[in-house]
C-alpha atoms as a PDB file:
ATOM      1  CA  MET A   1     -35.442   7.199  23.180  1.00  0.00           C
ATOM      2  CA  THR A   2     -37.355  10.555  22.090  1.00  0.00           C
ATOM      3  CA  GLN A   3     -37.015  12.045  18.580  1.00  0.00           C
ATOM      4  CA  ASN A   4     -34.638  14.631  20.104  1.00  0.00           C
ATOM      5  CA  GLN A   5     -32.246  11.814  21.448  1.00  0.00           C
ATOM      6  CA  GLN A   6     -32.138  10.212  17.759  1.00  0.00           C
ATOM      7  CA  LYS A   7     -31.244  13.184  15.978  1.00  0.00           C
ATOM      8  CA  ILE A   8     -27.816  13.653  15.765  1.00  0.00           C
ATOM      9  CA  GLN A   9     -26.588  17.330  14.852  1.00  0.00           C
ATOM     10  CA  ASN A  10     -24.523  20.259  15.706  1.00  0.00           C
ATOM     11  CA  PRO A  11     -26.449  23.496  16.906  1.00  0.00           C
ATOM     12  CA  GLU A  12     -27.359  25.171  13.928  1.00  0.00           C
ATOM     13  CA  THR A  13     -25.299  28.080  12.637  1.00  0.00           C
ATOM     14  CA  LYS A  14     -28.107  31.109  11.877  1.00  0.00           C
ATOM     15  CA  ILE A  15     -28.500  32.813   8.807  1.00  0.00           C
ATOM     16  CA  ASN A  16     -30.781  35.497   7.472  1.00  0.00           C
ATOM     17  CA  LYS A  17     -33.758  33.804   5.812  1.00  0.00           C
ATOM     18  CA  THR A  18     -34.696  35.668   2.736  1.00  0.00           C
ATOM     19  CA  PRO A  19     -36.454  34.971  -0.775  1.00  0.00           C
ATOM     20  CA  GLU A  20     -32.657  35.392  -1.828  1.00  0.00           C
ATOM     21  CA  MET A  21     -30.266  32.153  -1.936  1.00  0.00           C
ATOM     22  CA  ASN A  22     -28.026  31.916   1.537  1.00  0.00           C
ATOM     23  CA  ASP A  23     -24.897  30.118   1.943  1.00  0.00           C
ATOM     24  CA  ARG A  24     -26.819  27.440   3.433  1.00  0.00           C
ATOM     25  CA  ASP A  25     -28.833  27.259   0.108  1.00  0.00           C
ATOM     26  CA  PHE A  26     -25.890  27.389  -1.921  1.00  0.00           C
ATOM     27  CA  ILE A  27     -23.913  24.763  -0.142  1.00  0.00           C
ATOM     28  CA  ASN A  28     -27.060  22.433  -0.279  1.00  0.00           C
ATOM     29  CA  ASP A  29     -27.138  22.648  -3.720  1.00  0.00           C
ATOM     30  CA  PHE A  30     -23.722  22.056  -4.089  1.00  0.00           C
ATOM     31  CA  LEU A  31     -24.212  18.895  -2.356  1.00  0.00           C
ATOM     32  CA  THR A  32     -27.134  17.586  -4.050  1.00  0.00           C
ATOM     33  CA  THR A  33     -25.102  18.097  -7.029  1.00  0.00           C
ATOM     34  CA  GLU A  34     -21.887  16.724  -6.059  1.00  0.00           C
ATOM     35  CA  LYS A  35     -24.284  13.495  -4.679  1.00  0.00           C
ATOM     36  CA  TYR A  36     -25.774  13.443  -7.890  1.00  0.00           C
ATOM     37  CA  MET A  37     -22.833  13.588  -9.859  1.00  0.00           C
ATOM     38  CA  THR A  38     -21.135  10.678  -7.776  1.00  0.00           C
ATOM     39  CA  GLY A  39     -23.732   8.781  -8.535  1.00  0.00           C
ATOM     40  CA  SER A  40     -23.715   9.165 -12.320  1.00  0.00           C
ATOM     41  CA  TYR A  41     -19.909   8.634 -12.576  1.00  0.00           C
ATOM     42  CA  SER A  42     -20.330   5.451 -10.082  1.00  0.00           C
ATOM     43  CA  THR A  43     -23.027   4.416 -12.882  1.00  0.00           C
ATOM     44  CA  THR A  44     -20.891   5.491 -15.472  1.00  0.00           C
ATOM     45  CA  LEU A  45     -17.633   3.170 -13.772  1.00  0.00           C
ATOM     46  CA  ASN A  46     -19.426   0.326 -14.117  1.00  0.00           C
ATOM     47  CA  GLU A  47     -20.229   0.605 -17.769  1.00  0.00           C
ATOM     48  CA  LEU A  48     -16.614   1.269 -19.093  1.00  0.00           C
ATOM     49  CA  SER A  49     -14.956  -1.228 -20.828  1.00  0.00           C
ATOM     50  CA  HIS A  50     -11.947   0.988 -22.113  1.00  0.00           C
ATOM     51  CA  ASP A  51      -9.058   0.760 -19.420  1.00  0.00           C
ATOM     52  CA  SER A  52      -7.765   4.625 -19.785  1.00  0.00           C
ATOM     53  CA  LEU A  53     -11.395   5.916 -19.793  1.00  0.00           C
ATOM     54  CA  TYR A  54     -11.736   4.066 -16.803  1.00  0.00           C
ATOM     55  CA  GLN A  55      -8.944   5.280 -14.925  1.00  0.00           C
ATOM     56  CA  GLU A  56      -9.599   8.667 -15.658  1.00  0.00           C
ATOM     57  CA  ILE A  57     -13.051   9.044 -14.798  1.00  0.00           C
ATOM     58  CA  ALA A  58     -12.239   6.810 -11.945  1.00  0.00           C
ATOM     59  CA  SER A  59     -10.420   9.924 -10.899  1.00  0.00           C
ATOM     60  CA  ILE A  60     -12.552  12.763 -11.584  1.00  0.00           C
ATOM     61  CA  PHE A  61     -15.329  10.133  -9.673  1.00  0.00           C
ATOM     62  CA  ASN A  62     -13.041  10.262  -6.473  1.00  0.00           C
ATOM     63  CA  GLU A  63     -12.511  14.243  -6.577  1.00  0.00           C
ATOM     64  CA  THR A  64     -16.132  14.418  -6.809  1.00  0.00           C
ATOM     65  CA  GLN A  65     -16.385  11.821  -4.018  1.00  0.00           C
ATOM     66  CA  ASP A  66     -13.995  14.098  -1.761  1.00  0.00           C
ATOM     67  CA  ALA A  67     -16.081  17.134  -2.757  1.00  0.00           C
ATOM     68  CA  GLN A  68     -19.182  15.846  -1.493  1.00  0.00           C
ATOM     69  CA  ARG A  69     -17.630  14.854   1.320  1.00  0.00           C
ATOM     70  CA  THR A  70     -16.190  17.642   2.289  1.00  0.00           C
ATOM     71  CA  LEU A  71     -19.464  20.095   1.787  1.00  0.00           C
ATOM     72  CA  TYR A  72     -21.562  17.312   3.984  1.00  0.00           C
ATOM     73  CA  ASN A  73     -18.817  17.751   6.784  1.00  0.00           C
ATOM     74  CA  LEU A  74     -19.368  21.536   6.482  1.00  0.00           C
ATOM     75  CA  MET A  75     -22.756  21.247   6.406  1.00  0.00           C
ATOM     76  CA  PHE A  76     -22.744  18.817   9.056  1.00  0.00           C
ATOM     77  CA  ARG A  77     -20.306  21.116  11.040  1.00  0.00           C
ATOM     78  CA  LYS A  78     -22.976  24.181  11.025  1.00  0.00           C
ATOM     79  CA  GLY A  79     -25.669  22.072  12.148  1.00  0.00           C
ATOM     80  CA  TRP A  80     -27.325  22.350   9.110  1.00  0.00           C
ATOM     81  CA  TYR A  81     -27.061  18.379   8.232  1.00  0.00           C
ATOM     82  CA  GLY A  82     -28.582  16.162  10.837  1.00  0.00           C
ATOM     83  CA  ILE A  83     -28.598  12.321  11.132  1.00  0.00           C
ATOM     84  CA  GLU A  84     -31.111   9.678  12.747  1.00  0.00           C
ATOM     85  CA  ALA A  85     -29.645   7.455  15.135  1.00  0.00           C
ATOM     86  CA  ALA A  86     -30.341   3.865  14.662  1.00  0.00           C
ATOM     87  CA  GLU A  87     -31.784   1.828  17.667  1.00  0.00           C
ATOM     88  CA  SER A  88     -29.023  -0.452  18.537  1.00  0.00           C
ATOM     89  CA  GLN A  89     -31.416  -3.503  18.125  1.00  0.00           C
ATOM     90  CA  LYS A  90     -31.818  -2.797  14.608  1.00  0.00           C
ATOM     91  CA  LEU A  91     -27.763  -2.358  13.817  1.00  0.00           C
ATOM     92  CA  GLU A  92     -27.745  -5.596  15.436  1.00  0.00           C
ATOM     93  CA  GLN A  93     -30.586  -7.034  13.314  1.00  0.00           C
ATOM     94  CA  SER A  94     -28.655  -5.942  10.352  1.00  0.00           C
ATOM     95  CA  HIS A  95     -25.148  -6.608  11.134  1.00  0.00           C
ATOM     96  CA  GLN A  96     -26.825 -10.273  11.893  1.00  0.00           C
ATOM     97  CA  GLN A  97     -28.441 -10.354   8.447  1.00  0.00           C
ATOM     98  CA  PHE A  98     -25.505  -9.408   6.551  1.00  0.00           C
ATOM     99  CA  GLN A  99     -22.933 -11.304   7.796  1.00  0.00           C
ATOM    100  CA  GLY A 100     -24.799 -14.201   7.101  1.00  0.00           C
ATOM    101  CA  TYR A 101     -24.993 -13.077   3.637  1.00  0.00           C
ATOM    102  CA  SER A 102     -20.608 -13.415   3.961  1.00  0.00           C
ATOM    103  CA  SER A 103     -21.082 -17.155   3.236  1.00  0.00           C
ATOM    104  CA  GLN A 104     -22.850 -17.125   0.319  1.00  0.00           C
ATOM    105  CA  PHE A 105     -19.813 -15.142  -1.342  1.00  0.00           C
ATOM    106  CA  PRO A 106     -16.855 -16.554  -3.177  1.00  0.00           C
ATOM    107  CA  TYR A 107     -13.956 -17.759  -0.792  1.00  0.00           C
ATOM    108  CA  GLY A 108     -16.373 -17.685   1.995  1.00  0.00           C
ATOM    109  CA  GLY A 109     -16.527 -13.583   1.856  1.00  0.00           C
ATOM    110  CA  ARG A 110     -12.779 -13.329   1.553  1.00  0.00           C
ATOM    111  CA  LEU A 111     -10.662 -11.164  -1.292  1.00  0.00           C
ATOM    112  CA  GLN A 112      -7.961 -13.096  -2.567  1.00  0.00           C
END
């Protein structure tokens, strides 16, 4: 496969490129901020012991995660965000590797 065949991206919506921030710059800044916030909220949730506060932060985390996903989808749809396609062989190797790990989990990797 060539580099272009591995890139998954929509046609780019053209914008004026000037020294001032444009729509793409603003949305990218928002997306970066939302990613940072979800990471921070995730760390906070792992360390909270107060149940009511945990529930409140979990709700905010979910709203922030939804906002992040909406911004990602918008950028992807406009062709401003692309991803690399993984090779089938690498996917299969990762799948087998992590499937082997599941036998090490309590309950055989199944939640009860």
